[in-house]
């Protein structure tokens, strides 16, 4: 019995990292009691875009600043102190539902630079928090991303769920097609 539970937990952890968090019931259901008015991150996922390896993937650990690329480095607030850092993007993707079904409603990319050799990395926490908030509000903030990274993100979102992509706004489609 114990090994079954352990095995089941491993599978669920793997699934968490490889899939979007998609629409769950509202726990407050409009009752106005405890927890009402609290921001819910249930519909948000974090996509890591790695232009160095030409890949994009969901890593839910980024929600707690513990993604694979964020581990085992000391974070520095000055980008100039990480001159040889590799570029990564943590893209905060929010999913909502409309009359046509689920769609990518908010997408905002936040830069990080990681230099594994010196075990240092740069990220602006205020920027990450702002981008998470903007994504939750349905905003598209990707104009500061390089074209290659935007294409990787677009291809990943389409491949992950083409129907969600098709249901998404023209604003998102245009922003990732430039």
Protein backbone atom coordinates (compact mmCIF):
# COMPACT_ATOMS: atom_id res chain seq x y z
CA UNK A 1 0.00 0.00 0.00
CA UNK A 2 2.74 2.44 0.93
CA UNK A 3 4.70 1.93 -2.29
CA UNK A 4 1.53 2.46 -4.33
CA UNK A 5 0.98 5.86 -2.69
CA UNK A 6 4.60 6.80 -3.22
CA UNK A 7 4.44 5.74 -6.87
CA UNK A 8 1.17 7.63 -7.40
CA UNK A 9 2.71 10.78 -5.90
CA UNK A 10 5.69 10.55 -8.25
CA UNK A 11 3.38 10.36 -11.23
CA UNK A 12 1.33 13.31 -10.07
CA UNK A 13 4.50 15.39 -9.54
CA UNK A 14 5.63 14.55 -13.07
CA UNK A 15 2.22 15.46 -14.46
CA UNK A 16 2.28 18.77 -12.59
CA UNK A 17 5.51 19.78 -14.29
CA UNK A 18 4.42 18.81 -17.79
CA UNK A 19 0.95 20.28 -18.04
CA UNK A 20 -0.89 23.54 -17.71
CA UNK A 21 -3.01 24.26 -14.68
CA UNK A 22 -6.39 24.59 -16.31
CA UNK A 23 -9.68 25.97 -14.95
CA UNK A 24 -10.74 24.65 -11.57
CA UNK A 25 -13.89 25.43 -9.63
CA UNK A 26 -13.95 28.70 -7.73
CA UNK A 27 -13.45 27.69 -4.12
CA UNK A 28 -15.25 30.78 -2.87
CA UNK A 29 -18.34 30.27 -5.09
CA UNK A 30 -19.44 33.80 -4.37
CA UNK A 31 -20.12 33.18 -0.67
CA UNK A 32 -18.10 36.27 0.34
CA UNK A 33 -16.56 34.51 3.32
CA UNK A 34 -13.02 33.50 4.13
CA UNK A 35 -10.80 33.67 1.06
CA UNK A 36 -13.04 35.89 -1.03
CA UNK A 37 -11.15 38.61 -2.84
CA UNK A 38 -7.93 36.59 -2.73
CA UNK A 39 -5.99 36.32 -5.96
CA UNK A 40 -6.11 32.77 -7.28
CA UNK A 41 -3.21 31.33 -9.25
CA UNK A 42 -5.18 28.19 -10.13
CA UNK A 43 -5.36 29.09 -13.82
CA UNK A 44 -1.75 30.22 -14.17
CA UNK A 45 1.17 28.17 -15.40
CA UNK A 46 4.82 29.00 -15.84
CA UNK A 47 6.47 28.20 -19.16
CA UNK A 48 10.24 28.26 -19.38
CA UNK A 49 11.51 29.42 -22.76
CA UNK A 50 15.13 28.45 -23.35
CA UNK A 51 16.40 30.01 -26.59
CA UNK A 52 19.82 28.44 -25.97
CA UNK A 53 18.42 24.91 -26.33
CA UNK A 54 15.52 25.88 -28.64
CA UNK A 55 12.87 24.61 -26.27
CA UNK A 56 9.91 25.66 -24.18
CA UNK A 57 8.26 23.63 -21.43
CA UNK A 58 6.01 23.97 -18.40
CA UNK A 59 7.80 24.02 -15.05
CA UNK A 60 5.30 24.68 -12.27
CA UNK A 61 8.16 25.00 -9.77
CA UNK A 62 8.80 28.46 -11.22
CA UNK A 63 5.66 29.60 -9.41
CA UNK A 64 7.76 29.34 -6.25
CA UNK A 65 11.09 30.43 -7.84
CA UNK A 66 12.30 26.81 -7.84
CA UNK A 67 12.33 25.90 -11.52
CA UNK A 68 15.13 23.77 -12.92
CA UNK A 69 16.93 26.83 -14.31
CA UNK A 70 16.56 28.80 -11.05
CA UNK A 71 18.13 26.25 -8.72
CA UNK A 72 21.67 26.22 -7.33
CA UNK A 73 22.59 29.80 -8.13
CA UNK A 74 22.89 32.98 -6.09
CA UNK A 75 20.48 35.66 -7.28
CA UNK A 76 21.89 39.10 -7.99
CA UNK A 77 19.80 42.21 -8.62
CA UNK A 78 22.27 43.79 -11.04
CA UNK A 79 22.31 42.34 -14.56
CA UNK A 80 25.83 43.71 -15.16
CA UNK A 81 27.22 41.30 -12.56
CA UNK A 82 26.15 38.35 -14.72
CA UNK A 83 27.65 39.41 -18.08
CA UNK A 84 27.94 35.86 -19.46
CA UNK A 85 24.57 34.67 -18.22
CA UNK A 86 22.43 32.61 -20.55
CA UNK A 87 19.04 34.10 -21.34
CA UNK A 88 15.88 32.33 -20.22
CA UNK A 89 12.30 33.55 -20.03
CA UNK A 90 9.74 32.58 -17.45
CA UNK A 91 6.45 33.20 -19.18
CA UNK A 92 3.38 33.50 -16.97
CA UNK A 93 0.45 32.03 -18.90
CA UNK A 94 -3.10 32.41 -17.64
CA UNK A 95 -5.92 30.25 -19.00
CA UNK A 96 -9.60 31.19 -18.98
CA UNK A 97 -12.82 29.94 -20.52
CA UNK A 98 -15.26 31.73 -22.80
CA UNK A 99 -18.23 30.60 -24.93
CA UNK A 100 -15.79 28.88 -27.34
CA UNK A 101 -13.90 27.01 -24.63
CA UNK A 102 -10.51 27.44 -22.96
CA UNK A 103 -8.02 30.01 -24.24
CA UNK A 104 -4.71 31.63 -23.33
CA UNK A 105 -5.94 34.86 -21.77
CA UNK A 106 -2.82 36.46 -20.31
CA UNK A 107 0.81 35.95 -21.29
CA UNK A 108 3.75 37.86 -19.83
CA UNK A 109 7.45 37.02 -20.16
CA UNK A 110 10.04 37.75 -17.47
CA UNK A 111 13.76 37.64 -18.18
CA UNK A 112 16.34 35.75 -16.19
CA UNK A 113 20.07 35.36 -16.89
CA UNK A 114 21.94 32.38 -15.47
CA UNK A 115 25.71 31.80 -15.41
CA UNK A 116 26.24 28.26 -14.13
CA UNK A 117 30.02 28.63 -14.24
CA UNK A 118 30.09 31.30 -11.54
CA UNK A 119 26.79 30.12 -9.94
CA UNK A 120 25.22 33.56 -10.26
CA UNK A 121 21.99 34.67 -11.86
CA UNK A 122 19.98 37.81 -12.45
CA UNK A 123 16.26 38.36 -12.13
CA UNK A 124 14.11 41.31 -11.18
CA UNK A 125 11.56 40.08 -8.64
CA UNK A 126 9.43 43.24 -8.98
CA UNK A 127 9.25 42.61 -12.74
CA UNK A 128 8.26 38.95 -12.23
CA UNK A 129 5.52 39.91 -9.78
CA UNK A 130 4.26 42.66 -12.08
CA UNK A 131 4.19 40.28 -15.04
CA UNK A 132 2.36 37.60 -13.05
CA UNK A 133 -0.25 40.18 -12.06
CA UNK A 134 -0.59 41.46 -15.62
CA UNK A 135 -1.02 37.90 -16.92
CA UNK A 136 -3.78 37.30 -14.36
CA UNK A 137 -5.50 40.43 -15.68
CA UNK A 138 -5.42 39.07 -19.24
CA UNK A 139 -2.62 41.29 -20.53
CA UNK A 140 -0.11 40.27 -23.19
CA UNK A 141 3.42 41.47 -22.39
CA UNK A 142 5.97 39.93 -24.75
CA UNK A 143 7.22 42.89 -26.80
CA UNK A 144 10.53 42.93 -24.88
CA UNK A 145 11.23 39.28 -25.77
CA UNK A 146 13.50 38.41 -28.68
CA UNK A 147 11.86 37.07 -31.84
CA UNK A 148 13.37 33.60 -31.49
CA UNK A 149 12.00 33.22 -27.96
CA UNK A 150 8.57 34.47 -29.04
CA UNK A 151 8.50 31.89 -31.83
CA UNK A 152 9.46 29.11 -29.39
CA UNK A 153 6.66 30.20 -27.07
CA UNK A 154 4.11 30.43 -29.88
CA UNK A 155 5.03 27.00 -31.23
CA UNK A 156 4.80 25.51 -27.73
CA UNK A 157 1.38 27.02 -27.01
CA UNK A 158 0.04 25.79 -30.35
CA UNK A 159 1.52 22.33 -29.87
CA UNK A 160 0.24 22.09 -26.31
CA UNK A 161 -3.38 22.81 -27.29
CA UNK A 162 -4.22 24.16 -30.73
CA UNK A 163 -7.85 24.77 -29.74
CA UNK A 164 -6.78 27.03 -26.88
CA UNK A 165 -4.51 28.89 -29.30
CA UNK A 166 -7.32 29.26 -31.86
CA UNK A 167 -9.67 30.58 -29.15
CA UNK A 168 -7.08 33.13 -27.97
CA UNK A 169 -7.19 36.82 -28.82
CA UNK A 170 -5.74 38.31 -31.98
CA UNK A 171 -3.62 40.50 -29.70
CA UNK A 172 -1.75 37.42 -28.42
CA UNK A 173 -1.45 35.85 -31.86
CA UNK A 174 -0.10 39.07 -33.35
CA UNK A 175 2.29 39.71 -30.47
CA UNK A 176 3.89 36.28 -30.87
CA UNK A 177 3.94 36.46 -34.69
CA UNK A 178 6.05 39.61 -34.99
